[in-house]
Amino acid sequence: MSRWLIDALDRLDAGDWDGAHELAQADETDAGAWLHAHLHRIEGDEANANYWYRRAGRTPFTGTIEDERTALRDALR
């Protein structure tokens, strides 16, 4: 998986939403779209998050933000 996405999650964990978003935008994979959805979910922009979930070929995540972050990290291993 893309090292960019792992770096984006690390930035997000450090509180750098903008930096994480910038990296997610640069990655055109399904995993990048999922991360992009996660970021907009955090932001509270459900419509935009749903768009990115569709782009990722995923249904919107229904668990907590923390659970989704764990799932993203697991998928990137």
N, C-alpha and C. Protein backbone atom coordinates (compact mmCIF):
# COMPACT_ATOMS: atom_id res chain seq x y z
N MET A 1 0.84 -1.20 0.00
CA MET A 1 0.00 0.00 0.00
C MET A 1 0.87 1.25 0.00
N SER A 2 0.25 2.32 -0.26
CA SER A 2 0.96 3.58 -0.40
C SER A 2 1.52 4.08 0.93
N ARG A 3 2.81 4.34 0.92
CA ARG A 3 3.45 4.93 2.10
C ARG A 3 2.84 6.31 2.38
N TRP A 4 2.35 6.97 1.33
CA TRP A 4 1.71 8.29 1.50
C TRP A 4 0.53 8.21 2.45
N LEU A 5 -0.24 7.14 2.33
CA LEU A 5 -1.44 7.02 3.16
C LEU A 5 -1.08 6.75 4.62
N ILE A 6 -0.04 5.98 4.84
CA ILE A 6 0.43 5.77 6.21
C ILE A 6 0.92 7.10 6.78
N ASP A 7 1.67 7.84 5.97
CA ASP A 7 2.12 9.17 6.40
C ASP A 7 0.93 10.08 6.70
N ALA A 8 -0.12 9.99 5.88
CA ALA A 8 -1.32 10.80 6.11
C ALA A 8 -1.97 10.45 7.44
N LEU A 9 -2.07 9.16 7.75
CA LEU A 9 -2.63 8.75 9.04
C LEU A 9 -1.76 9.21 10.19
N ASP A 10 -0.45 9.15 10.01
CA ASP A 10 0.46 9.65 11.06
C ASP A 10 0.25 11.14 11.28
N ARG A 11 0.08 11.89 10.20
CA ARG A 11 -0.17 13.33 10.34
C ARG A 11 -1.50 13.58 11.05
N LEU A 12 -2.49 12.79 10.68
CA LEU A 12 -3.80 12.94 11.32
C LEU A 12 -3.70 12.64 12.81
N ASP A 13 -2.99 11.59 13.17
CA ASP A 13 -2.80 11.26 14.58
C ASP A 13 -2.08 12.38 15.32
N ALA A 14 -1.24 13.12 14.61
CA ALA A 14 -0.49 14.24 15.21
C ALA A 14 -1.31 15.53 15.24
N GLY A 15 -2.55 15.47 14.72
CA GLY A 15 -3.40 16.65 14.74
C GLY A 15 -3.33 17.51 13.49
N ASP A 16 -2.66 17.01 12.45
CA ASP A 16 -2.49 17.78 11.20
C ASP A 16 -3.50 17.31 10.16
N TRP A 17 -4.77 17.72 10.34
CA TRP A 17 -5.83 17.33 9.40
C TRP A 17 -5.50 17.82 7.99
N ASP A 18 -5.05 19.07 7.88
CA ASP A 18 -4.77 19.64 6.55
C ASP A 18 -3.67 18.85 5.84
N GLY A 19 -2.61 18.51 6.56
CA GLY A 19 -1.53 17.74 5.95
C GLY A 19 -1.99 16.36 5.52
N ALA A 20 -2.82 15.73 6.35
CA ALA A 20 -3.37 14.42 5.99
C ALA A 20 -4.26 14.53 4.76
N HIS A 21 -5.06 15.58 4.71
CA HIS A 21 -5.96 15.79 3.58
C HIS A 21 -5.17 16.00 2.28
N GLU A 22 -4.12 16.77 2.37
CA GLU A 22 -3.28 17.02 1.19
C GLU A 22 -2.72 15.71 0.63
N LEU A 23 -2.24 14.83 1.50
CA LEU A 23 -1.71 13.55 1.05
C LEU A 23 -2.81 12.65 0.50
N ALA A 24 -3.97 12.64 1.14
CA ALA A 24 -5.08 11.81 0.66
C ALA A 24 -5.53 12.27 -0.72
N GLN A 25 -5.53 13.56 -0.97
CA GLN A 25 -5.94 14.08 -2.27
C GLN A 25 -4.98 13.65 -3.38
N ALA A 26 -3.72 13.45 -3.02
CA ALA A 26 -2.71 13.10 -4.02
C ALA A 26 -2.73 11.61 -4.37
N ASP A 27 -3.44 10.80 -3.59
CA ASP A 27 -3.48 9.36 -3.82
C ASP A 27 -4.80 8.98 -4.47
N GLU A 28 -4.76 8.44 -5.67
CA GLU A 28 -5.98 8.16 -6.43
C GLU A 28 -6.45 6.72 -6.30
N THR A 29 -5.90 5.97 -5.34
CA THR A 29 -6.32 4.59 -5.14
C THR A 29 -7.63 4.53 -4.35
N ASP A 30 -8.22 3.34 -4.31
CA ASP A 30 -9.43 3.15 -3.49
C ASP A 30 -9.12 3.42 -2.01
N ALA A 31 -7.93 3.01 -1.56
CA ALA A 31 -7.54 3.26 -0.17
C ALA A 31 -7.43 4.76 0.09
N GLY A 32 -6.91 5.50 -0.87
CA GLY A 32 -6.82 6.95 -0.74
C GLY A 32 -8.19 7.59 -0.66
N ALA A 33 -9.14 7.07 -1.44
CA ALA A 33 -10.51 7.59 -1.40
C ALA A 33 -11.16 7.28 -0.05
N TRP A 34 -10.86 6.09 0.49
CA TRP A 34 -11.41 5.74 1.81
C TRP A 34 -10.86 6.68 2.87
N LEU A 35 -9.56 6.93 2.83
CA LEU A 35 -8.97 7.86 3.79
C LEU A 35 -9.57 9.25 3.63
N HIS A 36 -9.79 9.65 2.38
CA HIS A 36 -10.40 10.95 2.11
C HIS A 36 -11.80 11.00 2.73
N ALA A 37 -12.56 9.91 2.61
CA ALA A 37 -13.89 9.84 3.23
C ALA A 37 -13.78 9.98 4.74
N HIS A 38 -12.83 9.28 5.31
CA HIS A 38 -12.61 9.33 6.77
C HIS A 38 -12.33 10.77 7.22
N LEU A 39 -11.50 11.46 6.48
CA LEU A 39 -11.15 12.83 6.84
C LEU A 39 -12.38 13.74 6.82
N HIS A 40 -13.22 13.59 5.80
CA HIS A 40 -14.41 14.44 5.74
C HIS A 40 -15.45 14.02 6.78
N ARG A 41 -15.43 12.76 7.15
CA ARG A 41 -16.28 12.32 8.26
C ARG A 41 -15.86 13.01 9.56
N ILE A 42 -14.57 13.06 9.80
CA ILE A 42 -14.04 13.75 10.98
C ILE A 42 -14.47 15.22 10.96
N GLU A 43 -14.39 15.80 9.79
CA GLU A 43 -14.71 17.21 9.61
C GLU A 43 -16.21 17.48 9.83
N GLY A 44 -17.02 16.42 9.74
CA GLY A 44 -18.46 16.58 9.90
C GLY A 44 -19.18 16.84 8.60
N ASP A 45 -18.48 16.67 7.48
CA ASP A 45 -19.06 16.89 6.15
C ASP A 45 -19.52 15.54 5.60
N GLU A 46 -20.69 15.10 6.06
CA GLU A 46 -21.20 13.77 5.72
C GLU A 46 -21.42 13.59 4.22
N ALA A 47 -21.93 14.61 3.54
CA ALA A 47 -22.18 14.48 2.10
C ALA A 47 -20.87 14.25 1.34
N ASN A 48 -19.85 15.01 1.68
CA ASN A 48 -18.56 14.85 1.03
C ASN A 48 -17.94 13.50 1.39
N ALA A 49 -18.06 13.10 2.65
CA ALA A 49 -17.56 11.79 3.07
C ALA A 49 -18.24 10.69 2.28
N ASN A 50 -19.55 10.78 2.12
CA ASN A 50 -20.28 9.75 1.37
C ASN A 50 -19.84 9.68 -0.09
N TYR A 51 -19.54 10.83 -0.68
CA TYR A 51 -19.01 10.85 -2.04
C TYR A 51 -17.72 10.04 -2.12
N TRP A 52 -16.82 10.27 -1.15
CA TRP A 52 -15.53 9.57 -1.16
C TRP A 52 -15.67 8.10 -0.81
N TYR A 53 -16.63 7.74 0.03
CA TYR A 53 -16.89 6.31 0.27
C TYR A 53 -17.31 5.65 -1.05
N ARG A 54 -18.18 6.31 -1.80
CA ARG A 54 -18.60 5.76 -3.10
C ARG A 54 -17.41 5.62 -4.03
N ARG A 55 -16.55 6.63 -4.07
CA ARG A 55 -15.34 6.57 -4.91
C ARG A 55 -14.44 5.40 -4.51
N ALA A 56 -14.43 5.08 -3.21
CA ALA A 56 -13.62 3.97 -2.70
C ALA A 56 -14.30 2.62 -2.89
N GLY A 57 -15.56 2.64 -3.33
CA GLY A 57 -16.30 1.40 -3.49
C GLY A 57 -16.70 0.79 -2.15
N ARG A 58 -16.93 1.65 -1.16
CA ARG A 58 -17.23 1.20 0.20
C ARG A 58 -18.55 1.82 0.67
N THR A 59 -19.20 1.12 1.57
CA THR A 59 -20.35 1.73 2.24
C THR A 59 -19.80 2.60 3.37
N PRO A 60 -20.50 3.65 3.74
CA PRO A 60 -20.03 4.50 4.84
C PRO A 60 -19.79 3.68 6.10
N PHE A 61 -18.70 3.98 6.77
CA PHE A 61 -18.32 3.28 8.00
C PHE A 61 -19.29 3.68 9.10
N THR A 62 -19.78 2.71 9.84
CA THR A 62 -20.78 3.01 10.87
C THR A 62 -20.22 2.97 12.28
N GLY A 63 -18.98 2.52 12.44
CA GLY A 63 -18.37 2.49 13.76
C GLY A 63 -17.85 3.87 14.14
N THR A 64 -17.08 3.90 15.20
CA THR A 64 -16.51 5.15 15.67
C THR A 64 -15.38 5.61 14.75
N ILE A 65 -15.02 6.86 14.89
CA ILE A 65 -13.87 7.40 14.15
C ILE A 65 -12.62 6.59 14.47
N GLU A 66 -12.45 6.26 15.74
CA GLU A 66 -11.28 5.50 16.17
C GLU A 66 -11.27 4.10 15.55
N ASP A 67 -12.44 3.46 15.50
CA ASP A 67 -12.53 2.13 14.89
C ASP A 67 -12.19 2.18 13.40
N GLU A 68 -12.66 3.23 12.75
CA GLU A 68 -12.37 3.36 11.32
C GLU A 68 -10.88 3.62 11.10
N ARG A 69 -10.29 4.43 11.95
CA ARG A 69 -8.85 4.71 11.82
C ARG A 69 -8.06 3.41 11.98
N THR A 70 -8.46 2.58 12.92
CA THR A 70 -7.80 1.28 13.11
C THR A 70 -7.98 0.41 11.87
N ALA A 71 -9.19 0.39 11.33
CA ALA A 71 -9.46 -0.40 10.13
C ALA A 71 -8.61 0.10 8.94
N LEU A 72 -8.47 1.40 8.81
CA LEU A 72 -7.63 1.95 7.76
C LEU A 72 -6.18 1.53 7.94
N ARG A 73 -5.66 1.66 9.12
CA ARG A 73 -4.27 1.24 9.38
C ARG A 73 -4.08 -0.24 9.08
N ASP A 74 -5.04 -1.06 9.51
CA ASP A 74 -4.95 -2.50 9.24
C ASP A 74 -4.95 -2.79 7.74
N ALA A 75 -5.78 -2.07 7.00
CA ALA A 75 -5.85 -2.28 5.55
C ALA A 75 -4.57 -1.84 4.84
N LEU A 76 -3.83 -0.92 5.43
CA LEU A 76 -2.61 -0.41 4.79
C LEU A 76 -1.38 -1.23 5.13
N ARG A 77 -1.53 -2.22 5.98
CA ARG A 77 -0.37 -3.06 6.34
C ARG A 77 -0.07 -4.06 5.26
